[in-house]
N, C-alpha and C. Protein backbone atom coordinates (compact mmCIF):
# COMPACT_ATOMS: atom_id res chain seq x y z
N UNK A 1 32.73 267.42 114.15
CA UNK A 1 32.73 269.30 114.59
C UNK A 1 34.17 269.38 114.08
N UNK A 2 35.21 268.79 114.53
CA UNK A 2 36.53 269.36 114.43
C UNK A 2 36.71 269.59 112.64
N UNK A 3 35.80 268.96 111.78
CA UNK A 3 36.26 269.32 110.43
C UNK A 3 35.49 270.64 109.74
N UNK A 4 34.11 271.04 111.18
CA UNK A 4 33.61 272.07 111.30
C UNK A 4 34.63 273.56 111.53
N UNK A 5 35.26 273.06 112.35
CA UNK A 5 36.34 274.20 113.15
C UNK A 5 37.31 274.55 112.02
N UNK A 6 37.60 273.16 111.12
CA UNK A 6 38.76 273.44 109.90
C UNK A 6 38.56 274.50 108.94
N UNK A 7 37.13 274.03 108.66
CA UNK A 7 36.82 274.80 107.44
C UNK A 7 36.33 276.01 107.58
N UNK A 8 35.78 276.47 109.00
CA UNK A 8 35.95 277.96 109.48
C UNK A 8 37.17 278.27 109.30
N UNK A 9 38.41 277.66 110.01
CA UNK A 9 39.77 278.21 110.15
C UNK A 9 40.09 278.57 108.44
N UNK A 10 39.70 277.65 107.57
CA UNK A 10 39.97 278.05 105.91
C UNK A 10 39.44 279.41 105.52
N UNK A 11 37.93 279.21 106.11
CA UNK A 11 37.46 280.64 105.21
C UNK A 11 37.63 281.73 105.66
N UNK A 12 37.87 282.16 107.36
CA UNK A 12 38.82 283.08 107.60
C UNK A 12 39.81 283.59 107.21
N UNK A 13 41.13 282.24 107.00
CA UNK A 13 42.09 282.48 106.58
C UNK A 13 42.19 282.95 104.97
N UNK A 14 41.19 282.55 104.05
CA UNK A 14 40.90 283.11 102.72
C UNK A 14 40.46 284.67 102.86
N UNK A 15 39.61 284.96 103.68
CA UNK A 15 38.68 286.09 103.46
C UNK A 15 40.06 287.36 103.65
N UNK A 16 41.17 286.93 104.99
CA UNK A 16 42.16 287.45 105.38
C UNK A 16 43.02 287.83 104.43
N UNK A 17 43.79 286.45 103.74
CA UNK A 17 44.55 286.70 102.97
C UNK A 17 44.15 287.51 101.66
N UNK A 18 43.03 287.29 100.79
CA UNK A 18 42.19 287.76 100.09
C UNK A 18 42.37 289.48 100.20
N UNK A 19 41.87 290.15 101.28
CA UNK A 19 41.94 291.36 101.37
C UNK A 19 42.97 291.92 101.82
N UNK A 20 44.02 291.27 101.65
CA UNK A 20 45.37 291.90 102.24
C UNK A 20 45.92 292.94 101.20
N UNK A 21 45.77 292.72 100.15
CA UNK A 21 45.73 293.66 98.86
C UNK A 21 45.51 294.98 98.57
N UNK A 22 43.95 294.94 99.48
CA UNK A 22 43.18 296.05 99.48
C UNK A 22 43.42 296.99 100.65
N UNK A 23 44.39 296.12 101.91
CA UNK A 23 44.83 297.09 102.70
C UNK A 23 45.68 298.49 102.22
N UNK A 24 45.79 297.92 101.18
CA UNK A 24 47.19 299.05 101.10
C UNK A 24 48.16 299.37 101.61
N UNK A 25 48.89 298.31 101.62
CA UNK A 25 49.68 298.05 102.80
C UNK A 25 49.83 298.62 104.67
N UNK A 26 48.19 298.03 104.57
CA UNK A 26 47.82 298.89 105.68
C UNK A 26 47.46 300.19 106.24
N UNK A 27 47.32 300.71 105.08
CA UNK A 27 46.87 302.24 105.22
C UNK A 27 45.46 302.37 104.84
N UNK A 28 44.62 301.27 105.04
CA UNK A 28 43.15 301.44 105.17
C UNK A 28 42.77 300.62 106.26
N UNK A 29 42.33 301.37 107.55
CA UNK A 29 42.20 300.61 108.93
C UNK A 29 41.05 300.00 108.98
N UNK A 30 39.94 299.78 108.44
CA UNK A 30 38.92 299.13 108.46
C UNK A 30 38.94 297.70 107.89
N UNK A 31 39.66 297.78 106.57
CA UNK A 31 40.12 296.52 106.06
C UNK A 31 41.59 296.40 106.98
N UNK A 32 42.35 296.55 107.30
CA UNK A 32 43.28 295.74 108.11
C UNK A 32 43.14 295.23 109.47
N UNK A 33 41.84 296.13 109.63
CA UNK A 33 41.60 295.32 111.01
C UNK A 33 40.73 294.07 110.83
N UNK A 34 39.76 294.13 109.73
CA UNK A 34 39.42 292.78 109.40
C UNK A 34 40.36 291.46 108.47
N UNK A 35 41.29 292.19 107.98
CA UNK A 35 42.43 291.24 107.94
C UNK A 35 42.99 291.06 108.92
N UNK A 36 43.37 291.07 110.50
CA UNK A 36 44.10 290.85 111.31
C UNK A 36 42.72 289.87 112.58
N UNK A 37 41.53 290.38 112.11
CA UNK A 37 40.12 289.57 113.03
C UNK A 37 40.52 288.29 112.30
N UNK A 38 40.39 288.57 110.86
CA UNK A 38 40.17 287.06 110.52
C UNK A 38 41.46 286.18 110.19
N UNK A 39 42.55 286.49 110.50
CA UNK A 39 43.65 285.91 110.76
C UNK A 39 43.44 285.07 112.24
N UNK A 40 42.96 285.88 113.19
CA UNK A 40 42.78 285.86 114.73
C UNK A 40 42.07 284.47 114.76
N UNK A 41 40.76 284.71 114.02
CA UNK A 41 39.73 283.38 113.85
C UNK A 41 40.21 282.72 113.04
N UNK A 42 41.27 282.71 112.21
CA UNK A 42 41.43 281.33 111.44
C UNK A 42 42.60 279.94 112.63
N UNK A 43 43.70 280.65 113.43
CA UNK A 43 44.33 280.28 114.04
C UNK A 43 43.90 279.80 115.32
N UNK A 44 42.52 280.44 115.97
CA UNK A 44 41.77 280.44 116.98
C UNK A 44 41.19 278.72 116.54
N UNK A 45 40.45 278.55 115.56
CA UNK A 45 39.51 277.78 114.98
C UNK A 45 40.83 276.58 114.77
N UNK A 46 41.88 276.75 113.98
CA UNK A 46 42.95 275.94 113.59
C UNK A 46 43.34 275.28 115.15
N UNK A 47 43.92 276.16 115.84
CA UNK A 47 44.13 275.32 117.14
C UNK A 47 43.05 274.31 117.74
N UNK A 48 42.11 274.39 117.01
CA UNK A 48 40.25 273.66 117.71
C UNK A 48 40.69 272.24 117.17
N UNK A 49 40.69 272.39 116.11
CA UNK A 49 41.15 271.68 114.73
C UNK A 49 42.08 270.00 115.72
N UNK A 50 42.99 270.88 115.62
CA UNK A 50 44.82 270.56 116.14
C UNK A 50 44.33 269.49 117.45
N UNK A 51 43.14 269.35 118.22
CA UNK A 51 43.18 268.77 119.37
C UNK A 51 42.34 267.22 118.52
N UNK A 52 41.62 267.59 118.06
CA UNK A 52 41.66 265.83 116.78
C UNK A 52 42.48 265.59 115.73
N UNK A 53 42.54 266.48 114.75
CA UNK A 53 42.97 265.78 113.68
C UNK A 53 44.89 266.04 113.63
N UNK A 54 45.80 265.37 113.08
CA UNK A 54 47.00 265.47 113.01
C UNK A 54 47.25 267.06 112.48
N UNK A 55 48.55 267.08 113.10
CA UNK A 55 48.91 268.58 112.84
C UNK A 55 49.25 268.54 110.95
N UNK A 56 49.80 267.43 110.48
CA UNK A 56 49.99 267.09 109.39
C UNK A 56 49.36 267.14 108.49
N UNK A 57 48.08 266.64 108.72
CA UNK A 57 46.72 266.46 107.72
C UNK A 57 46.23 268.35 107.73
N UNK A 58 46.28 268.41 109.34
CA UNK A 58 45.07 269.92 109.18
C UNK A 58 46.14 270.77 108.44
N UNK A 59 47.46 270.65 108.79
CA UNK A 59 48.18 272.12 107.55
C UNK A 59 47.64 271.65 106.01
N UNK A 60 48.36 270.44 105.96
CA UNK A 60 47.71 269.99 104.36
C UNK A 60 46.36 270.55 103.91
N UNK A 61 45.72 270.42 104.36
CA UNK A 61 44.11 270.77 104.02
C UNK A 61 44.38 272.58 104.15
N UNK A 62 44.66 272.99 105.18
CA UNK A 62 44.16 274.11 105.35
C UNK A 62 45.03 275.14 104.05
N UNK A 63 46.50 275.06 104.32
CA UNK A 63 46.93 275.75 103.18
C UNK A 63 46.77 275.03 101.72
N UNK A 64 46.29 274.08 101.91
CA UNK A 64 45.96 273.85 99.91
C UNK A 64 44.71 274.30 99.98
N UNK A 65 43.50 273.64 100.58
CA UNK A 65 42.14 274.33 100.44
C UNK A 65 42.27 276.00 100.23
N UNK A 66 43.13 276.27 101.32
CA UNK A 66 43.52 278.09 101.03
C UNK A 66 44.14 278.54 99.71
N UNK A 67 45.37 277.76 99.46
CA UNK A 67 45.73 278.28 98.07
C UNK A 67 44.58 278.09 96.82
N UNK A 68 44.00 277.02 96.90
CA UNK A 68 42.32 277.25 95.85
C UNK A 68 41.61 278.11 96.27
N UNK A 69 41.68 278.37 97.20
CA UNK A 69 39.91 279.25 97.69
C UNK A 69 40.70 280.43 97.19
N UNK A 70 42.28 280.98 97.43
CA UNK A 70 42.43 282.39 97.46
C UNK A 70 42.78 282.43 95.94
N UNK A 71 42.87 281.47 95.66
CA UNK A 71 43.25 281.61 93.66
C UNK A 71 42.09 281.72 93.03
N UNK A 72 40.58 281.47 93.44
CA UNK A 72 39.36 281.75 92.88
C UNK A 72 39.00 283.02 93.23
N UNK A 73 39.41 283.38 94.38
CA UNK A 73 38.65 284.33 94.77
C UNK A 73 39.46 285.77 94.22
N UNK A 74 40.78 285.78 93.95
CA UNK A 74 41.46 286.78 93.24
C UNK A 74 41.12 286.68 92.03
N UNK A 75 40.75 285.76 91.36
CA UNK A 75 40.12 285.88 89.94
C UNK A 75 39.03 286.71 89.69
N UNK A 76 38.12 286.55 91.23
CA UNK A 76 36.48 287.36 91.20
C UNK A 76 37.35 289.10 91.34
N UNK A 77 38.05 288.93 92.64
CA UNK A 77 38.58 290.50 93.24
C UNK A 77 39.44 291.15 92.08
N UNK A 78 40.32 290.46 91.69
CA UNK A 78 41.34 290.78 91.33
C UNK A 78 41.63 290.98 89.75
N UNK A 79 40.88 290.22 89.12
CA UNK A 79 40.73 290.06 87.75
C UNK A 79 42.10 289.23 87.70
N UNK A 80 42.49 288.94 88.56
CA UNK A 80 43.98 287.81 87.99
C UNK A 80 43.43 286.71 87.74
N UNK A 81 43.87 286.20 86.49
CA UNK A 81 43.58 285.18 85.72
C UNK A 81 44.65 283.89 86.50
N UNK A 82 44.19 282.59 85.85
CA UNK A 82 44.56 281.54 86.00
C UNK A 82 45.68 280.48 84.93
N UNK A 83 46.35 280.67 84.45
CA UNK A 83 47.34 279.99 83.34
C UNK A 83 46.83 278.71 83.37
N UNK A 84 47.27 277.61 82.37
CA UNK A 84 47.04 276.05 82.26
C UNK A 84 47.58 275.63 83.42
N UNK A 85 49.11 276.06 83.59
CA UNK A 85 49.80 275.65 84.87
C UNK A 85 49.22 275.61 86.14
N UNK A 86 48.60 276.62 86.83
CA UNK A 86 48.03 277.16 87.33
C UNK A 86 46.88 276.30 87.94
N UNK A 87 45.98 275.93 86.77
CA UNK A 87 44.56 274.84 86.80
C UNK A 87 45.12 273.88 87.10
N UNK A 88 46.01 273.13 86.87
CA UNK A 88 46.66 272.04 86.67
C UNK A 88 47.46 271.89 88.18
N UNK A 89 47.89 272.92 88.58
CA UNK A 89 48.76 272.75 90.14
C UNK A 89 47.52 272.88 91.10
N UNK A 90 46.29 273.78 90.77
CA UNK A 90 45.38 273.71 91.50
C UNK A 90 44.49 272.28 91.61
N UNK A 91 44.68 271.75 90.77
CA UNK A 91 43.49 270.79 90.62
C UNK A 91 44.66 269.38 91.11
N UNK A 92 45.79 269.15 91.39
CA UNK A 92 46.77 268.50 91.98
C UNK A 92 46.53 268.57 93.73
N UNK A 93 46.74 269.65 94.26
CA UNK A 93 46.29 270.34 95.14
C UNK A 93 44.94 269.72 95.60
N UNK A 94 43.81 269.96 94.90
CA UNK A 94 42.97 269.15 95.20
C UNK A 94 42.44 268.11 95.58
N UNK A 95 43.05 267.37 94.88
CA UNK A 95 43.54 265.72 94.46
C UNK A 95 44.54 265.66 95.93
N UNK A 96 45.21 265.98 96.22
CA UNK A 96 46.02 265.43 97.46
C UNK A 96 45.84 266.00 98.28
N UNK A 97 44.48 266.98 98.91
CA UNK A 97 43.66 267.10 99.94
C UNK A 97 42.55 265.65 99.88
N UNK A 98 41.86 265.51 98.91
CA UNK A 98 41.05 264.43 98.50
C UNK A 98 42.03 263.26 98.97
N UNK A 99 42.96 262.65 98.90
CA UNK A 99 43.43 261.50 99.03
C UNK A 99 43.86 261.18 100.19
N UNK A 100 44.66 262.44 100.82
CA UNK A 100 44.63 262.45 102.16
C UNK A 100 43.50 262.26 103.38
N UNK A 101 42.15 263.00 102.97
CA UNK A 101 41.05 262.76 103.90
C UNK A 101 40.98 261.52 103.91
N UNK A 102 40.92 261.06 102.78
CA UNK A 102 39.66 259.29 102.18
C UNK A 102 40.57 258.49 102.08
N UNK A 103 42.16 258.50 102.05
CA UNK A 103 42.45 257.25 102.75
C UNK A 103 43.84 257.20 103.31
N UNK A 104 44.30 258.43 103.72
CA UNK A 104 45.21 258.52 105.09
C UNK A 104 44.92 257.83 106.23
N UNK A 105 45.65 256.77 106.74
CA UNK A 105 45.53 256.13 107.71
C UNK A 105 45.55 257.18 109.20
N UNK A 106 46.48 258.18 108.83
CA UNK A 106 46.49 259.27 109.83
C UNK A 106 45.32 260.45 109.99
N UNK A 107 44.53 260.10 109.18
CA UNK A 107 43.21 261.05 109.53
C UNK A 107 42.16 260.31 110.04
N UNK A 108 41.28 261.49 110.91
CA UNK A 108 40.53 260.88 112.32
C UNK A 108 39.48 260.69 110.75
N UNK A 109 38.62 259.48 111.05
CA UNK A 109 37.31 259.38 110.27
C UNK A 109 36.31 259.28 111.18
């Protein structure tokens, strides 16, 4: 269940972060509310995750997967392209999260 909470936290954070640009500096009220609610949901489920998974592992997964998913979302929403260095970096982030979760003794399996 704690991994489901982490997935919800990541998805909510990705939605909120991806929509930040669309708020046009918080001048669009509906999108601004979606962003704020997204962050509130994200932090709430992040705290539930921290009941079981150590903060270092939780934060690595939350931020790492968040960066990857926001980059992919920005590609589709805002036509932001990724160069080779960005793709390599994203691959390294994914590799790090996978290694932490599969091999670290700090992770609850």
